[in-house]
N, C-alpha and C. Protein backbone atom coordinates (compact mmCIF):
# COMPACT_ATOMS: atom_id res chain seq x y z
N MET A 1 96.39 114.50 108.83
CA MET A 1 95.08 114.46 109.55
C MET A 1 94.62 113.57 110.46
N PHE A 2 95.55 112.36 110.59
CA PHE A 2 95.43 111.41 111.52
C PHE A 2 95.25 111.96 113.12
N GLY A 3 94.54 111.46 113.84
CA GLY A 3 94.23 112.07 115.21
C GLY A 3 93.33 113.12 115.21
N THR A 4 92.98 113.78 114.25
CA THR A 4 92.21 114.99 114.37
C THR A 4 90.94 114.73 114.53
N SER A 5 90.43 115.49 115.66
CA SER A 5 88.82 115.26 115.84
C SER A 5 88.04 116.37 116.12
N THR A 6 88.66 117.72 115.90
CA THR A 6 87.75 118.89 115.68
C THR A 6 88.10 119.73 114.64
N PRO A 7 87.28 120.61 114.32
CA PRO A 7 87.54 121.16 113.15
C PRO A 7 89.10 122.22 113.31
N ARG A 8 89.08 122.57 114.28
CA ARG A 8 90.34 123.44 114.74
C ARG A 8 91.70 122.70 114.18
N ASP A 9 91.65 121.27 115.02
CA ASP A 9 92.63 120.29 114.69
C ASP A 9 92.68 120.02 113.28
N GLN A 10 91.75 120.07 112.43
CA GLN A 10 91.96 119.65 111.39
C GLN A 10 92.48 120.87 110.54
N MET A 11 92.06 122.25 110.82
CA MET A 11 92.52 123.33 110.07
C MET A 11 94.04 123.50 110.39
N ASP A 12 94.46 123.33 111.70
CA ASP A 12 95.74 123.48 112.23
C ASP A 12 96.87 122.24 111.64
N ALA A 13 96.10 120.87 111.14
CA ALA A 13 96.88 120.10 110.47
C ALA A 13 97.15 120.56 109.23
N ILE A 14 96.52 120.99 108.37
CA ILE A 14 96.43 121.73 107.18
C ILE A 14 97.52 122.81 106.87
N TRP A 15 97.27 123.62 107.99
CA TRP A 15 98.16 124.76 108.12
C TRP A 15 99.50 124.42 108.49
N THR A 16 99.88 123.50 109.32
CA THR A 16 100.99 122.98 109.84
C THR A 16 101.87 122.17 108.35
N GLY A 17 101.16 121.43 108.03
CA GLY A 17 101.38 121.04 106.60
C GLY A 17 101.80 122.06 105.56
N MET A 18 101.23 123.29 105.30
CA MET A 18 101.32 124.10 104.21
C MET A 18 102.64 124.91 104.68
N THR A 19 103.05 125.00 106.00
CA THR A 19 103.72 126.18 106.47
C THR A 19 104.98 125.61 107.44
N GLY A 20 104.80 124.62 108.06
CA GLY A 20 105.72 124.13 109.11
C GLY A 20 105.52 124.81 110.37
N THR A 21 104.10 125.89 110.67
CA THR A 21 104.37 126.21 111.79
C THR A 21 102.66 126.02 112.43
N ARG A 22 102.79 126.22 113.56
CA ARG A 22 101.19 125.74 114.22
C ARG A 22 100.02 127.13 113.69
N GLY A 23 99.05 126.52 113.78
CA GLY A 23 97.84 127.43 113.07
C GLY A 23 97.55 128.30 114.62
N VAL A 24 97.15 129.56 114.35
CA VAL A 24 96.83 130.62 115.68
C VAL A 24 95.25 130.90 115.52
N GLY A 25 94.64 130.99 116.42
CA GLY A 25 93.15 131.24 116.49
C GLY A 25 92.21 130.10 116.65
N THR A 26 91.17 130.34 116.16
CA THR A 26 89.86 129.58 115.89
C THR A 26 90.11 128.76 114.53
N ALA A 27 89.40 127.62 114.39
CA ALA A 27 89.36 127.11 113.13
C ALA A 27 88.94 127.94 112.01
N ALA A 28 87.99 128.79 112.14
CA ALA A 28 87.66 129.87 111.17
C ALA A 28 88.85 130.56 110.63
N GLN A 29 89.28 131.04 111.88
CA GLN A 29 90.60 132.01 111.50
C GLN A 29 91.74 131.20 110.50
N ILE A 30 92.07 130.01 111.17
CA ILE A 30 93.22 129.33 110.36
C ILE A 30 92.73 128.91 108.94
N ARG A 31 91.32 128.58 109.02
CA ARG A 31 90.70 128.24 107.67
C ARG A 31 91.02 129.62 106.71
N ASP A 32 90.48 130.71 107.20
CA ASP A 32 90.87 131.98 106.16
C ASP A 32 92.20 132.10 106.04
N ASP A 33 93.02 132.13 107.11
CA ASP A 33 94.48 132.02 106.60
C ASP A 33 95.05 131.15 105.74
N ILE A 34 94.57 129.98 105.47
CA ILE A 34 94.67 128.81 104.45
C ILE A 34 94.24 129.31 103.00
N LEU A 35 93.03 129.84 103.14
CA LEU A 35 92.43 130.11 101.85
C LEU A 35 93.24 131.47 101.38
N ASP A 36 93.58 132.39 102.37
CA ASP A 36 94.41 133.68 101.87
C ASP A 36 95.64 133.12 101.21
N THR A 37 96.50 132.11 101.66
CA THR A 37 97.61 131.89 101.47
C THR A 37 97.45 131.08 100.13
N LEU A 38 96.39 129.97 100.04
CA LEU A 38 96.46 129.42 98.83
C LEU A 38 95.85 130.47 97.25
N SER A 39 95.37 131.59 97.65
CA SER A 39 94.61 132.51 97.05
C SER A 39 95.88 133.06 96.15
N ARG A 40 96.95 133.50 97.09
CA ARG A 40 97.97 134.05 96.66
C ARG A 40 99.32 133.21 96.02
N LYS A 41 99.12 131.98 96.39
CA LYS A 41 100.31 131.25 96.03
C LYS A 41 99.64 129.69 95.71
N ARG A 42 100.20 129.11 94.77
CA ARG A 42 99.94 127.76 94.17
C ARG A 42 100.60 126.53 94.80
N MET A 43 99.56 125.90 95.26
CA MET A 43 100.15 124.89 96.02
C MET A 43 99.45 123.53 95.84
N THR A 44 99.93 122.29 96.06
CA THR A 44 99.34 121.30 95.99
C THR A 44 99.06 120.71 97.20
N LEU A 45 98.00 120.07 97.43
CA LEU A 45 97.60 119.55 98.37
C LEU A 45 97.78 117.73 98.35
N LEU A 46 98.80 117.36 99.07
CA LEU A 46 99.16 116.02 98.95
C LEU A 46 98.66 115.13 100.34
N ILE A 47 97.54 114.06 100.11
CA ILE A 47 96.92 113.67 101.27
C ILE A 47 97.47 112.40 101.17
N ASP A 48 98.86 111.68 101.85
CA ASP A 48 99.44 110.43 102.42
C ASP A 48 98.48 109.54 102.88
N ASP A 49 98.55 108.43 102.52
CA ASP A 49 97.65 107.44 103.23
C ASP A 49 96.13 107.72 103.17
N ALA A 50 95.69 108.30 101.95
CA ALA A 50 94.27 108.72 102.39
C ALA A 50 93.29 107.45 102.53
N HIS A 51 93.69 106.43 102.46
CA HIS A 51 92.90 105.15 102.65
C HIS A 51 92.79 104.97 104.19
N HIS A 52 93.40 105.63 105.07
CA HIS A 52 93.56 105.52 106.30
C HIS A 52 92.83 106.83 107.20
N VAL A 53 92.79 107.97 106.65
CA VAL A 53 91.94 109.30 107.01
C VAL A 53 90.34 109.06 106.89
N GLY A 54 89.94 109.26 108.13
CA GLY A 54 88.36 109.27 107.92
C GLY A 54 87.68 110.29 107.53
N LEU A 55 86.36 110.41 107.61
CA LEU A 55 85.57 111.25 106.83
C LEU A 55 85.75 112.82 107.51
N LYS A 56 85.84 112.70 108.89
CA LYS A 56 86.14 113.89 109.88
C LYS A 56 87.35 114.37 109.26
N GLY A 57 88.36 113.95 109.07
CA GLY A 57 89.86 114.42 108.79
C GLY A 57 89.82 114.98 107.40
N LEU A 58 88.83 114.57 106.50
CA LEU A 58 88.82 114.73 105.22
C LEU A 58 87.63 115.97 104.58
N SER A 59 86.82 115.87 105.63
CA SER A 59 85.56 116.64 105.08
C SER A 59 85.96 118.17 104.96
N PRO A 60 86.96 118.85 105.65
CA PRO A 60 87.28 120.13 105.30
C PRO A 60 87.75 120.46 104.03
N ILE A 61 88.37 119.42 103.30
CA ILE A 61 89.25 119.76 101.85
C ILE A 61 88.52 119.87 100.92
N PRO A 62 87.15 119.40 100.39
CA PRO A 62 86.48 120.16 99.82
C PRO A 62 85.64 121.22 99.76
N ALA A 63 85.48 121.86 101.00
CA ALA A 63 85.04 123.23 101.45
C ALA A 63 86.10 124.56 101.10
N ILE A 64 87.52 123.83 101.19
CA ILE A 64 88.77 124.73 100.98
C ILE A 64 88.52 124.83 99.44
N TRP A 65 88.54 123.90 98.51
CA TRP A 65 88.86 123.51 97.22
C TRP A 65 87.62 124.29 96.75
N ASN A 66 86.38 124.33 97.08
CA ASN A 66 85.28 125.11 96.53
C ASN A 66 85.37 126.76 96.65
N ARG A 67 85.84 127.14 97.95
CA ARG A 67 85.95 128.50 98.15
C ARG A 67 87.00 128.99 97.27
N LEU A 68 88.11 128.24 96.81
CA LEU A 68 89.20 128.48 95.90
C LEU A 68 88.79 128.65 94.58
N HIS A 69 88.00 128.00 94.34
CA HIS A 69 87.25 127.66 92.91
C HIS A 69 86.50 128.61 92.73
N THR A 70 85.70 129.24 93.52
CA THR A 70 84.58 130.51 93.53
C THR A 70 85.36 131.77 93.49
N ALA A 71 86.55 131.75 94.24
CA ALA A 71 87.26 133.26 94.47
C ALA A 71 88.11 133.15 92.89
N ARG A 72 88.85 132.16 92.61
CA ARG A 72 89.59 132.61 91.27
C ARG A 72 89.23 131.63 90.18
N GLY A 73 88.35 130.81 90.35
CA GLY A 73 88.02 130.13 89.34
C GLY A 73 88.83 128.47 88.99
N THR A 74 89.16 128.09 89.79
CA THR A 74 90.23 127.25 89.94
C THR A 74 90.31 126.74 91.48
N GLY A 75 90.21 125.56 91.47
CA GLY A 75 90.80 125.00 93.24
C GLY A 75 91.93 124.68 93.01
N THR A 76 92.72 124.23 94.18
CA THR A 76 93.57 123.89 94.41
C THR A 76 94.13 122.27 94.39
N PRO A 77 95.15 122.02 93.40
CA PRO A 77 95.45 120.57 92.92
C PRO A 77 95.42 119.73 94.31
N ILE A 78 94.72 118.55 94.15
CA ILE A 78 94.67 117.54 95.29
C ILE A 78 95.35 116.28 94.56
N VAL A 79 96.38 115.57 95.29
CA VAL A 79 96.74 114.49 94.87
C VAL A 79 96.44 113.42 96.22
N LEU A 80 95.76 112.09 95.79
CA LEU A 80 95.57 111.31 96.91
C LEU A 80 96.52 110.29 96.67
N CYS A 81 97.25 109.82 98.00
CA CYS A 81 98.14 108.50 97.62
C CYS A 81 97.67 107.61 98.89
N GLY A 82 97.75 106.21 98.39
CA GLY A 82 97.17 105.38 99.37
C GLY A 82 96.82 104.22 98.47
N ASN A 83 96.53 103.04 99.27
CA ASN A 83 95.93 101.70 98.77
C ASN A 83 94.75 102.03 98.52
N SER A 84 94.38 101.81 97.49
CA SER A 84 92.90 102.40 96.67
C SER A 84 92.07 103.20 97.39
N PRO A 85 92.48 104.60 97.23
CA PRO A 85 91.70 105.57 97.79
C PRO A 85 90.42 105.97 97.30
N GLU A 86 90.36 105.47 96.00
CA GLU A 86 88.76 105.51 95.23
C GLU A 86 88.03 104.75 95.89
N ARG A 87 88.47 103.53 96.37
CA ARG A 87 87.44 102.52 97.27
C ARG A 87 86.77 103.16 98.58
N HIS A 88 88.14 103.69 99.37
CA HIS A 88 87.61 104.13 100.37
C HIS A 88 86.89 105.72 100.14
N LEU A 89 87.09 106.25 99.51
CA LEU A 89 86.39 107.64 99.25
C LEU A 89 85.17 107.57 98.67
N LYS A 90 85.03 106.53 97.79
CA LYS A 90 83.75 106.55 97.23
C LYS A 90 82.35 106.54 98.01
N SER A 91 82.68 105.87 99.16
CA SER A 91 81.69 105.71 99.87
C SER A 91 81.43 106.84 100.95
N THR A 92 82.65 107.34 101.55
CA THR A 92 82.88 108.16 102.62
C THR A 92 82.53 110.01 102.07
N LEU A 93 83.42 110.17 100.98
CA LEU A 93 83.52 111.78 100.40
C LEU A 93 83.63 111.73 99.11
N PRO A 94 82.65 111.22 98.15
CA PRO A 94 82.70 111.16 96.67
C PRO A 94 83.11 112.57 96.16
N GLU A 95 82.66 113.76 96.65
CA GLU A 95 83.15 115.12 96.25
C GLU A 95 84.55 115.34 96.66
N LEU A 96 85.08 114.64 97.34
CA LEU A 96 86.67 114.74 97.38
C LEU A 96 87.42 114.22 96.21
N LEU A 97 86.92 113.02 96.05
CA LEU A 97 87.39 112.45 94.59
C LEU A 97 87.44 113.02 93.38
N SER A 98 85.98 113.50 93.37
CA SER A 98 85.81 114.37 92.13
C SER A 98 86.72 115.51 91.97
N ARG A 99 87.06 115.95 93.08
CA ARG A 99 88.01 117.34 93.15
C ARG A 99 89.63 116.83 92.86
N SER A 100 89.81 115.78 93.19
CA SER A 100 91.39 115.43 93.48
C SER A 100 91.60 115.24 91.70
N SER A 101 92.84 115.82 91.65
CA SER A 101 93.64 115.82 90.33
C SER A 101 94.35 114.59 89.57
N THR A 102 94.95 113.86 90.97
CA THR A 102 95.78 112.73 90.81
C THR A 102 95.38 111.86 91.84
N ARG A 103 95.31 110.60 91.56
CA ARG A 103 95.42 109.45 92.59
C ARG A 103 96.32 108.47 92.52
N TYR A 104 97.19 108.21 93.39
CA TYR A 104 98.40 107.66 93.27
C TYR A 104 98.20 106.31 94.16
N VAL A 105 98.25 104.86 93.62
CA VAL A 105 97.84 103.94 94.27
C VAL A 105 99.36 103.26 94.38
N ALA A 106 99.51 103.04 96.23
CA ALA A 106 101.00 102.89 96.52
C ALA A 106 100.75 101.60 96.95
N ASN A 107 101.40 100.51 95.86
CA ASN A 107 101.39 99.23 96.07
C ASN A 107 102.99 98.74 96.56
N PRO A 108 103.01 97.78 97.18
CA PRO A 108 104.36 97.43 97.62
C PRO A 108 104.95 97.00 96.40
N LEU A 109 106.26 97.20 96.04
CA LEU A 109 107.04 96.81 95.02
C LEU A 109 107.59 95.14 95.32
N ALA A 110 108.10 94.80 94.23
CA ALA A 110 108.15 93.17 94.40
C ALA A 110 109.19 92.92 93.11
N GLY A 111 110.08 92.01 93.28
CA GLY A 111 110.77 91.66 91.78
C GLY A 111 111.89 92.55 91.53
N LYS A 112 112.15 92.55 90.14
CA LYS A 112 113.03 93.60 89.45
C LYS A 112 112.74 95.17 89.91
N GLN A 113 111.55 95.48 90.18
CA GLN A 113 111.06 96.65 90.25
C GLN A 113 112.09 97.21 91.68
N LEU A 114 111.61 96.04 92.83
CA LEU A 114 112.08 96.39 94.20
C LEU A 114 113.44 96.73 94.24
N VAL A 115 114.56 95.58 93.50
CA VAL A 115 116.08 95.50 93.65
C VAL A 115 116.19 96.76 92.96
N ALA A 116 115.65 97.32 91.54
CA ALA A 116 115.86 98.55 91.11
C ALA A 116 115.90 99.66 91.97
N ALA A 117 114.66 99.66 92.83
CA ALA A 117 114.42 101.02 93.46
C ALA A 117 115.46 101.04 94.67
N VAL A 118 115.75 99.82 95.29
CA VAL A 118 116.74 99.79 96.43
C VAL A 118 117.94 100.11 95.99
N MET A 119 118.57 99.57 95.01
CA MET A 119 119.90 100.06 94.32
C MET A 119 119.96 101.46 94.05
N ALA A 120 118.92 101.98 93.46
CA ALA A 120 118.79 103.63 93.32
C ALA A 120 118.75 104.38 94.60
N MET A 121 118.17 103.82 95.38
CA MET A 121 118.12 104.52 96.69
C MET A 121 119.33 104.83 97.44
N GLU A 122 120.28 103.54 97.33
CA GLU A 122 121.36 103.77 97.93
C GLU A 122 122.77 103.43 96.98
N PRO A 123 123.43 104.26 96.60
CA PRO A 123 124.70 103.96 95.50
C PRO A 123 125.54 103.08 96.53
N LEU A 124 125.89 103.42 97.66
CA LEU A 124 126.95 103.04 98.53
C LEU A 124 126.73 101.44 98.62
N ILE A 125 125.78 101.01 98.03
CA ILE A 125 125.65 99.27 98.77
C ILE A 125 125.75 98.50 97.02
N ALA A 126 126.37 99.56 96.17
CA ALA A 126 126.28 98.81 94.67
C ALA A 126 127.08 97.21 94.76
N GLY A 127 126.65 96.55 93.74
CA GLY A 127 127.35 95.16 93.76
C GLY A 127 126.82 94.20 94.65
N THR A 128 125.59 94.93 95.53
CA THR A 128 124.76 93.80 96.29
C THR A 128 123.99 92.83 95.37
N ALA A 129 124.01 91.56 95.76
CA ALA A 129 123.24 90.57 94.83
C ALA A 129 121.71 90.84 94.74
N GLU A 130 121.19 90.40 93.68
CA GLU A 130 119.71 90.65 93.82
C GLU A 130 119.03 89.77 94.73
N ASP A 131 119.55 88.74 94.85
CA ASP A 131 118.99 87.70 95.82
C ASP A 131 119.19 88.02 97.43
N THR A 132 120.05 88.88 97.89
CA THR A 132 120.50 89.43 98.86
C THR A 132 119.29 90.20 99.24
N ILE A 133 118.68 91.07 98.16
CA ILE A 133 117.73 92.14 98.46
C ILE A 133 116.58 91.56 98.63
N ARG A 134 116.18 90.39 97.67
CA ARG A 134 114.98 89.83 97.60
C ARG A 134 114.58 88.94 98.92
N HIS A 135 115.91 88.54 99.47
CA HIS A 135 115.68 87.56 100.65
C HIS A 135 115.20 88.74 101.85
N ILE A 136 116.03 89.59 101.99
CA ILE A 136 115.74 90.54 103.02
C ILE A 136 114.51 91.15 102.73
N ASP A 137 113.90 91.48 101.80
CA ASP A 137 112.79 91.99 101.61
C ASP A 137 111.50 90.99 101.77
N ALA A 138 111.71 89.59 101.27
CA ALA A 138 110.74 88.64 101.92
C ALA A 138 110.65 88.44 103.19
N ARG A 139 111.48 88.48 103.79
CA ARG A 139 111.78 88.18 105.42
C ARG A 139 111.41 89.35 106.49
N HIS A 140 111.81 90.50 105.85
CA HIS A 140 111.38 91.63 106.90
C HIS A 140 110.53 92.60 106.06
N PHE A 141 110.89 93.06 104.92
CA PHE A 141 109.76 94.61 104.54
C PHE A 141 108.83 94.33 103.46
N ARG A 142 108.87 93.01 102.94
CA ARG A 142 107.90 93.01 101.89
C ARG A 142 107.36 94.21 100.88
N GLY A 143 108.25 94.75 100.47
CA GLY A 143 108.11 95.78 99.54
C GLY A 143 107.97 97.24 99.97
N GLU A 144 108.00 97.18 101.31
CA GLU A 144 107.87 98.56 102.05
C GLU A 144 109.22 99.56 101.71
N ILE A 145 108.97 100.49 101.08
CA ILE A 145 110.22 101.49 100.59
C ILE A 145 110.36 102.15 101.70
N ARG A 146 109.42 102.64 102.58
CA ARG A 146 109.81 103.69 103.93
C ARG A 146 110.81 102.64 104.70
N ARG A 147 110.11 101.42 105.04
CA ARG A 147 111.25 100.39 105.81
C ARG A 147 112.52 100.25 105.27
N TRP A 148 112.78 100.27 103.69
CA TRP A 148 114.05 99.95 102.94
C TRP A 148 114.69 101.40 103.20
N ASP A 149 114.13 102.43 103.16
CA ASP A 149 114.84 103.76 103.51
C ASP A 149 115.40 103.75 104.86
N GLN A 150 114.74 103.37 105.60
CA GLN A 150 115.03 103.35 107.03
C GLN A 150 116.40 102.46 107.36
N PHE A 151 116.17 101.38 106.76
CA PHE A 151 117.13 100.21 106.68
C PHE A 151 118.55 100.74 106.25
N LEU A 152 118.36 101.30 104.93
CA LEU A 152 119.78 101.92 104.36
C LEU A 152 120.43 102.91 105.22
N ASP A 153 119.59 103.86 105.63
CA ASP A 153 120.00 104.99 106.47
C ASP A 153 120.93 104.11 107.58
N MET A 154 120.43 103.28 108.25
CA MET A 154 121.06 102.68 109.22
C MET A 154 122.27 101.95 108.89
N VAL A 155 122.06 101.22 107.70
CA VAL A 155 123.52 100.70 107.38
C VAL A 155 124.64 101.68 107.04
N LEU A 156 124.24 102.84 106.51
CA LEU A 156 124.97 103.98 106.46
C LEU A 156 125.64 104.15 107.78
N LEU A 157 124.81 104.31 108.94
CA LEU A 157 125.36 104.77 109.96
C LEU A 157 126.15 103.77 110.66
N PHE A 158 125.98 102.47 110.51
CA PHE A 158 126.79 101.28 110.81
C PHE A 158 128.08 101.33 110.28
N ARG A 159 128.42 101.64 108.97
CA ARG A 159 129.36 101.78 108.11
C ARG A 159 130.22 102.76 108.51
N GLY A 160 129.78 104.03 109.14
CA GLY A 160 130.62 105.02 109.67
C GLY A 160 131.28 105.70 108.60
N ALA A 161 132.66 105.84 108.87
CA ALA A 161 133.44 106.93 108.00
C ALA A 161 133.67 106.05 106.54
N ASN A 162 133.55 104.58 106.62
CA ASN A 162 133.65 103.97 105.17
C ASN A 162 132.35 104.41 104.29
N THR A 163 132.92 105.39 103.23
CA THR A 163 131.89 105.61 102.31
C THR A 163 132.31 105.17 101.03
N ASP A 164 133.19 104.41 100.71
CA ASP A 164 133.47 103.43 99.94
C ASP A 164 132.15 102.30 99.33
N PRO A 165 131.88 102.42 97.95
CA PRO A 165 130.67 101.73 97.36
C PRO A 165 131.21 100.45 97.63
N HIS A 166 130.47 99.43 98.20
CA HIS A 166 130.72 98.03 98.20
C HIS A 166 129.28 97.40 98.72
N PRO A 167 129.42 96.06 98.33
CA PRO A 167 127.88 95.28 98.46
C PRO A 167 127.80 95.33 99.80
N LEU A 168 126.62 94.92 100.19
CA LEU A 168 125.82 94.72 101.66
C LEU A 168 126.18 93.36 101.95
N THR A 169 126.74 93.44 103.08
CA THR A 169 127.18 92.18 103.72
C THR A 169 126.42 91.14 104.68
N ASP A 170 126.32 89.87 104.75
CA ASP A 170 125.41 89.41 105.67
C ASP A 170 125.56 90.15 107.26
N ASP A 171 126.80 90.04 107.41
CA ASP A 171 126.88 90.54 108.91
C ASP A 171 126.26 91.97 109.20
N GLU A 172 126.35 92.90 108.15
CA GLU A 172 126.19 94.29 108.12
C GLU A 172 124.42 94.14 108.23
N ALA A 173 123.48 93.39 107.31
CA ALA A 173 122.51 93.49 107.22
C ALA A 173 121.94 92.78 108.75
N LYS A 174 122.33 91.40 109.15
CA LYS A 174 122.01 91.00 110.51
C LYS A 174 121.98 91.92 111.66
N THR A 175 123.28 92.59 111.43
CA THR A 175 123.50 93.64 112.81
C THR A 175 122.27 94.81 112.65
N VAL A 176 122.01 95.38 111.56
CA VAL A 176 121.12 96.46 111.44
C VAL A 176 119.69 96.17 111.41
N LEU A 177 119.63 94.73 111.14
CA LEU A 177 117.96 94.31 111.05
C LEU A 177 117.83 94.03 112.60
N SER A 178 119.02 93.54 113.42
CA SER A 178 118.51 93.64 115.18
C SER A 178 118.44 94.45 115.69
N ILE A 179 118.70 95.74 115.26
CA ILE A 179 118.70 97.08 116.16
C ILE A 179 117.70 98.15 115.43
N MET A 180 117.17 97.67 114.48
CA MET A 180 116.03 98.51 113.68
C MET A 180 114.94 98.03 114.64
N PRO A 181 113.98 99.20 114.52
CA PRO A 181 112.74 99.10 114.85
C PRO A 181 111.86 98.02 114.56
N GLY A 182 111.42 97.22 114.96
CA GLY A 182 110.73 96.14 114.19
C GLY A 182 110.88 95.41 113.20
N GLY A 183 112.20 95.34 113.41
CA GLY A 183 113.31 94.80 112.15
C GLY A 183 113.19 93.10 112.47
N ASN A 184 112.99 92.67 113.43
CA ASN A 184 112.72 91.38 113.51
C ASN A 184 111.46 90.74 113.34
N GLN A 185 110.61 91.42 113.11
CA GLN A 185 109.10 91.08 112.97
C GLN A 185 108.91 90.60 111.54
């Protein structure tokens, strides 16, 4: 919902998220397509980074939920992901909070949880020392799993055809971090 400034943009963002295609017609026509699809098919609406999305971007969601609830007796499940979405939405859109079935607070990982998550994300770095992962994280990623995912993808590209599991080396880490977007920040 980032960057949506008109009702049509908002409906198009929802439709694109649901179907992978662009919405056709006016905001009302796209909203009707959304409602028709949701009335026939059970889907969950996942709003990632809900703490960043403004009132304009979120305001159509309760209306869609209300129409579905009126038509079939239940709304569509809503999952809010973000850093304290309750705090953000409590003052801007409390009706969305009351309709969301799940709220997931995404805090950066640290310590053993971070090491376990990174090792699980990429088995090909098996044997990497916990201190190496902690050092890279403290210096570059601060628990941001998305950045780790990007880093690990680039490590595999750097390794090329070598698909044997082995620990991450200092040279690999330095090389990948130097070419990674924002890796030196």
